[in-house]
Amino acid sequence: MKQILVVVVIFGLTVGFLSGCAGARYNMQKGAAVGAALGAGVGQLVGQNTAGTLIGAAIGTFIGALTGNAVDQNNQQQSQQVYADPQEQPPGQWVLQKGQWAGGKWIPSHKVWQPVNPSN
């Protein structure tokens, strides 16, 4: 019984650590870590052997990564701005930036898109 408690605590700490390391945009990694831990736990409970634990971890990692990737893709699609007319540009203008030295390198003059806030 004591060994099971130690394994559960280690899994919990591992999942917490791995989830904390991944940023807000890395749901695939978080999903894989959580899926691996949960899958390993379920595999151990069902099979009560190492093979069951490894198979559960593999399946959990796969399902968790797929789920996290779907969340990442959804977040990315929602964050992109869509304009009705493809020829329409967001508010702003092209501005010529003069050549300058930056970090010991010469950057020649070039045009830069400078957005403006339409609500002002």
C-alpha atoms as a PDB file:
ATOM      1  CA  MET A   1       0.000   0.000   0.000  1.00  0.00           C
ATOM      2  CA  LYS A   2       2.870   2.325   0.811  1.00  0.00           C
ATOM      3  CA  GLN A   3       4.452   1.706  -2.605  1.00  0.00           C
ATOM      4  CA  ILE A   4       1.228   2.632  -4.401  1.00  0.00           C
ATOM      5  CA  LEU A   5       1.033   5.885  -2.464  1.00  0.00           C
ATOM      6  CA  VAL A   6       4.651   6.714  -3.383  1.00  0.00           C
ATOM      7  CA  VAL A   7       3.955   6.004  -7.075  1.00  0.00           C
ATOM      8  CA  VAL A   8       0.820   8.190  -7.029  1.00  0.00           C
ATOM      9  CA  VAL A   9       2.695  11.062  -5.376  1.00  0.00           C
ATOM     10  CA  ILE A  10       5.569  10.813  -7.877  1.00  0.00           C
ATOM     11  CA  PHE A  11       3.128  10.814 -10.805  1.00  0.00           C
ATOM     12  CA  GLY A  12       1.318  13.814  -9.359  1.00  0.00           C
ATOM     13  CA  LEU A  13       4.521  15.773  -8.889  1.00  0.00           C
ATOM     14  CA  THR A  14       5.756  14.864 -12.366  1.00  0.00           C
ATOM     15  CA  VAL A  15       2.522  15.950 -14.024  1.00  0.00           C
ATOM     16  CA  GLY A  16       2.477  19.166 -12.023  1.00  0.00           C
ATOM     17  CA  PHE A  17       6.071  19.947 -12.928  1.00  0.00           C
ATOM     18  CA  LEU A  18       5.655  19.184 -16.631  1.00  0.00           C
ATOM     19  CA  SER A  19       2.420  21.138 -16.850  1.00  0.00           C
ATOM     20  CA  GLY A  20       4.041  24.120 -15.155  1.00  0.00           C
ATOM     21  CA  CYS A  21       6.971  24.076 -17.580  1.00  0.00           C
ATOM     22  CA  ALA A  22       4.778  24.357 -20.635  1.00  0.00           C
ATOM     23  CA  GLY A  23       3.491  27.813 -21.499  1.00  0.00           C
ATOM     24  CA  ALA A  24      -0.024  28.834 -22.448  1.00  0.00           C
ATOM     25  CA  ARG A  25       0.552  27.886 -26.091  1.00  0.00           C
ATOM     26  CA  TYR A  26       1.918  24.418 -25.437  1.00  0.00           C
ATOM     27  CA  ASN A  27      -1.229  22.443 -24.737  1.00  0.00           C
ATOM     28  CA  MET A  28       0.065  19.499 -26.790  1.00  0.00           C
ATOM     29  CA  GLN A  29       2.975  18.969 -24.403  1.00  0.00           C
ATOM     30  CA  LYS A  30       0.767  19.437 -21.355  1.00  0.00           C
ATOM     31  CA  GLY A  31      -1.789  17.010 -22.764  1.00  0.00           C
ATOM     32  CA  ALA A  32       0.893  14.414 -23.504  1.00  0.00           C
ATOM     33  CA  ALA A  33       2.333  14.684 -19.974  1.00  0.00           C
ATOM     34  CA  VAL A  34      -1.032  14.460 -18.254  1.00  0.00           C
ATOM     35  CA  GLY A  35      -2.169  11.676 -20.596  1.00  0.00           C
ATOM     36  CA  ALA A  36       0.991   9.665 -19.922  1.00  0.00           C
ATOM     37  CA  ALA A  37       0.571   9.914 -16.161  1.00  0.00           C
ATOM     38  CA  LEU A  38      -3.133   9.091 -16.205  1.00  0.00           C
ATOM     39  CA  GLY A  39      -2.649   6.308 -18.754  1.00  0.00           C
ATOM     40  CA  ALA A  40       0.142   4.755 -16.703  1.00  0.00           C
ATOM     41  CA  GLY A  41      -2.007   4.881 -13.590  1.00  0.00           C
ATOM     42  CA  VAL A  42      -4.979   3.277 -15.329  1.00  0.00           C
ATOM     43  CA  GLY A  43      -2.714   0.709 -17.004  1.00  0.00           C
ATOM     44  CA  GLN A  44      -1.248  -0.258 -13.633  1.00  0.00           C
ATOM     45  CA  LEU A  45      -4.690  -0.565 -12.062  1.00  0.00           C
ATOM     46  CA  VAL A  46      -6.053  -2.686 -14.901  1.00  0.00           C
ATOM     47  CA  GLY A  47      -3.047  -4.869 -15.742  1.00  0.00           C
ATOM     48  CA  GLN A  48      -1.250  -4.785 -12.388  1.00  0.00           C
ATOM     49  CA  ASN A  49       2.079  -5.282 -14.164  1.00  0.00           C
ATOM     50  CA  THR A  50       4.777  -3.297 -15.934  1.00  0.00           C
ATOM     51  CA  ALA A  51       3.463  -4.076 -19.417  1.00  0.00           C
ATOM     52  CA  GLY A  52       0.040  -2.692 -18.515  1.00  0.00           C
ATOM     53  CA  THR A  53       1.640   0.450 -17.115  1.00  0.00           C
ATOM     54  CA  LEU A  54       3.749   1.035 -20.234  1.00  0.00           C
ATOM     55  CA  ILE A  55       0.878   0.363 -22.620  1.00  0.00           C
ATOM     56  CA  GLY A  56      -1.371   2.709 -20.634  1.00  0.00           C
ATOM     57  CA  ALA A  57       1.314   5.409 -20.637  1.00  0.00           C
ATOM     58  CA  ALA A  58       1.778   5.098 -24.408  1.00  0.00           C
ATOM     59  CA  ILE A  59      -1.941   5.266 -25.149  1.00  0.00           C
ATOM     60  CA  GLY A  60      -2.432   8.134 -22.688  1.00  0.00           C
ATOM     61  CA  THR A  61       0.450  10.086 -24.219  1.00  0.00           C
ATOM     62  CA  PHE A  62      -0.999   9.686 -27.700  1.00  0.00           C
ATOM     63  CA  ILE A  63      -4.544  10.678 -26.723  1.00  0.00           C
ATOM     64  CA  GLY A  64      -3.334  13.569 -24.563  1.00  0.00           C
ATOM     65  CA  ALA A  65      -1.099  14.918 -27.332  1.00  0.00           C
ATOM     66  CA  LEU A  66      -3.937  14.733 -29.876  1.00  0.00           C
ATOM     67  CA  THR A  67      -6.299  16.537 -27.516  1.00  0.00           C
ATOM     68  CA  GLY A  68      -3.759  19.233 -26.642  1.00  0.00           C
ATOM     69  CA  ASN A  69      -2.893  19.748 -30.303  1.00  0.00           C
ATOM     70  CA  ALA A  70      -6.574  20.233 -31.119  1.00  0.00           C
ATOM     71  CA  VAL A  71      -6.788  22.896 -28.396  1.00  0.00           C
ATOM     72  CA  ASP A  72      -3.658  24.627 -29.750  1.00  0.00           C
ATOM     73  CA  GLN A  73      -5.061  24.635 -33.296  1.00  0.00           C
ATOM     74  CA  ASN A  74      -8.391  26.039 -32.088  1.00  0.00           C
ATOM     75  CA  ASN A  75      -6.657  28.799 -30.113  1.00  0.00           C
ATOM     76  CA  GLN A  76      -4.523  29.706 -33.119  1.00  0.00           C
ATOM     77  CA  GLN A  77      -7.536  29.923 -35.436  1.00  0.00           C
ATOM     78  CA  GLN A  78      -9.402  32.157 -33.008  1.00  0.00           C
ATOM     79  CA  SER A  79      -6.436  34.513 -32.611  1.00  0.00           C
ATOM     80  CA  GLN A  80      -6.034  35.186 -36.334  1.00  0.00           C
ATOM     81  CA  GLN A  81      -7.812  38.245 -37.705  1.00  0.00           C
ATOM     82  CA  VAL A  82      -9.957  37.637 -40.747  1.00  0.00           C
ATOM     83  CA  TYR A  83     -10.755  40.415 -43.209  1.00  0.00           C
ATOM     84  CA  ALA A  84     -13.780  40.139 -45.460  1.00  0.00           C
ATOM     85  CA  ASP A  85     -11.965  41.492 -48.513  1.00  0.00           C
ATOM     86  CA  PRO A  86      -8.550  39.897 -49.171  1.00  0.00           C
ATOM     87  CA  GLN A  87      -7.386  43.187 -50.756  1.00  0.00           C
ATOM     88  CA  GLU A  88      -8.283  45.102 -47.594  1.00  0.00           C
ATOM     89  CA  GLN A  89      -5.368  45.777 -45.280  1.00  0.00           C
ATOM     90  CA  PRO A  90      -5.533  46.449 -41.579  1.00  0.00           C
ATOM     91  CA  PRO A  91      -5.454  50.133 -40.685  1.00  0.00           C
ATOM     92  CA  GLY A  92      -1.989  51.599 -40.979  1.00  0.00           C
ATOM     93  CA  GLN A  93       0.598  52.739 -43.479  1.00  0.00           C
ATOM     94  CA  TRP A  94       3.980  51.837 -44.922  1.00  0.00           C
ATOM     95  CA  VAL A  95       6.739  54.047 -43.518  1.00  0.00           C
ATOM     96  CA  LEU A  96      10.287  54.333 -44.869  1.00  0.00           C
ATOM     97  CA  GLN A  97      12.793  53.628 -42.110  1.00  0.00           C
ATOM     98  CA  LYS A  98      16.216  55.151 -42.710  1.00  0.00           C
ATOM     99  CA  GLY A  99      19.368  53.058 -42.648  1.00  0.00           C
ATOM    100  CA  GLN A 100      21.019  52.757 -39.260  1.00  0.00           C
ATOM    101  CA  TRP A 101      23.619  50.904 -37.237  1.00  0.00           C
ATOM    102  CA  ALA A 102      22.179  48.269 -34.896  1.00  0.00           C
ATOM    103  CA  GLY A 103      24.280  45.862 -32.871  1.00  0.00           C
ATOM    104  CA  GLY A 104      27.411  46.614 -34.907  1.00  0.00           C
ATOM    105  CA  LYS A 105      25.670  45.897 -38.247  1.00  0.00           C
ATOM    106  CA  TRP A 106      24.398  48.290 -40.873  1.00  0.00           C
ATOM    107  CA  ILE A 107      20.708  47.913 -41.627  1.00  0.00           C
ATOM    108  CA  PRO A 108      19.842  49.611 -44.943  1.00  0.00           C
ATOM    109  CA  SER A 109      16.714  51.718 -45.339  1.00  0.00           C
ATOM    110  CA  HIS A 110      13.542  49.706 -45.765  1.00  0.00           C
ATOM    111  CA  LYS A 111       9.772  50.035 -45.515  1.00  0.00           C
ATOM    112  CA  VAL A 112       7.991  49.001 -42.330  1.00  0.00           C
ATOM    113  CA  TRP A 113       4.255  48.551 -41.811  1.00  0.00           C
ATOM    114  CA  GLN A 114       3.141  50.833 -39.006  1.00  0.00           C
ATOM    115  CA  PRO A 115      -0.338  49.914 -37.724  1.00  0.00           C
ATOM    116  CA  VAL A 116      -2.665  52.530 -36.299  1.00  0.00           C
ATOM    117  CA  ASN A 117      -5.412  52.079 -33.755  1.00  0.00           C
ATOM    118  CA  PRO A 118      -8.725  52.867 -35.521  1.00  0.00           C
ATOM    119  CA  SER A 119     -10.574  53.482 -32.238  1.00  0.00           C
ATOM    120  CA  ASN A 120      -8.586  56.675 -31.479  1.00  0.00           C
END
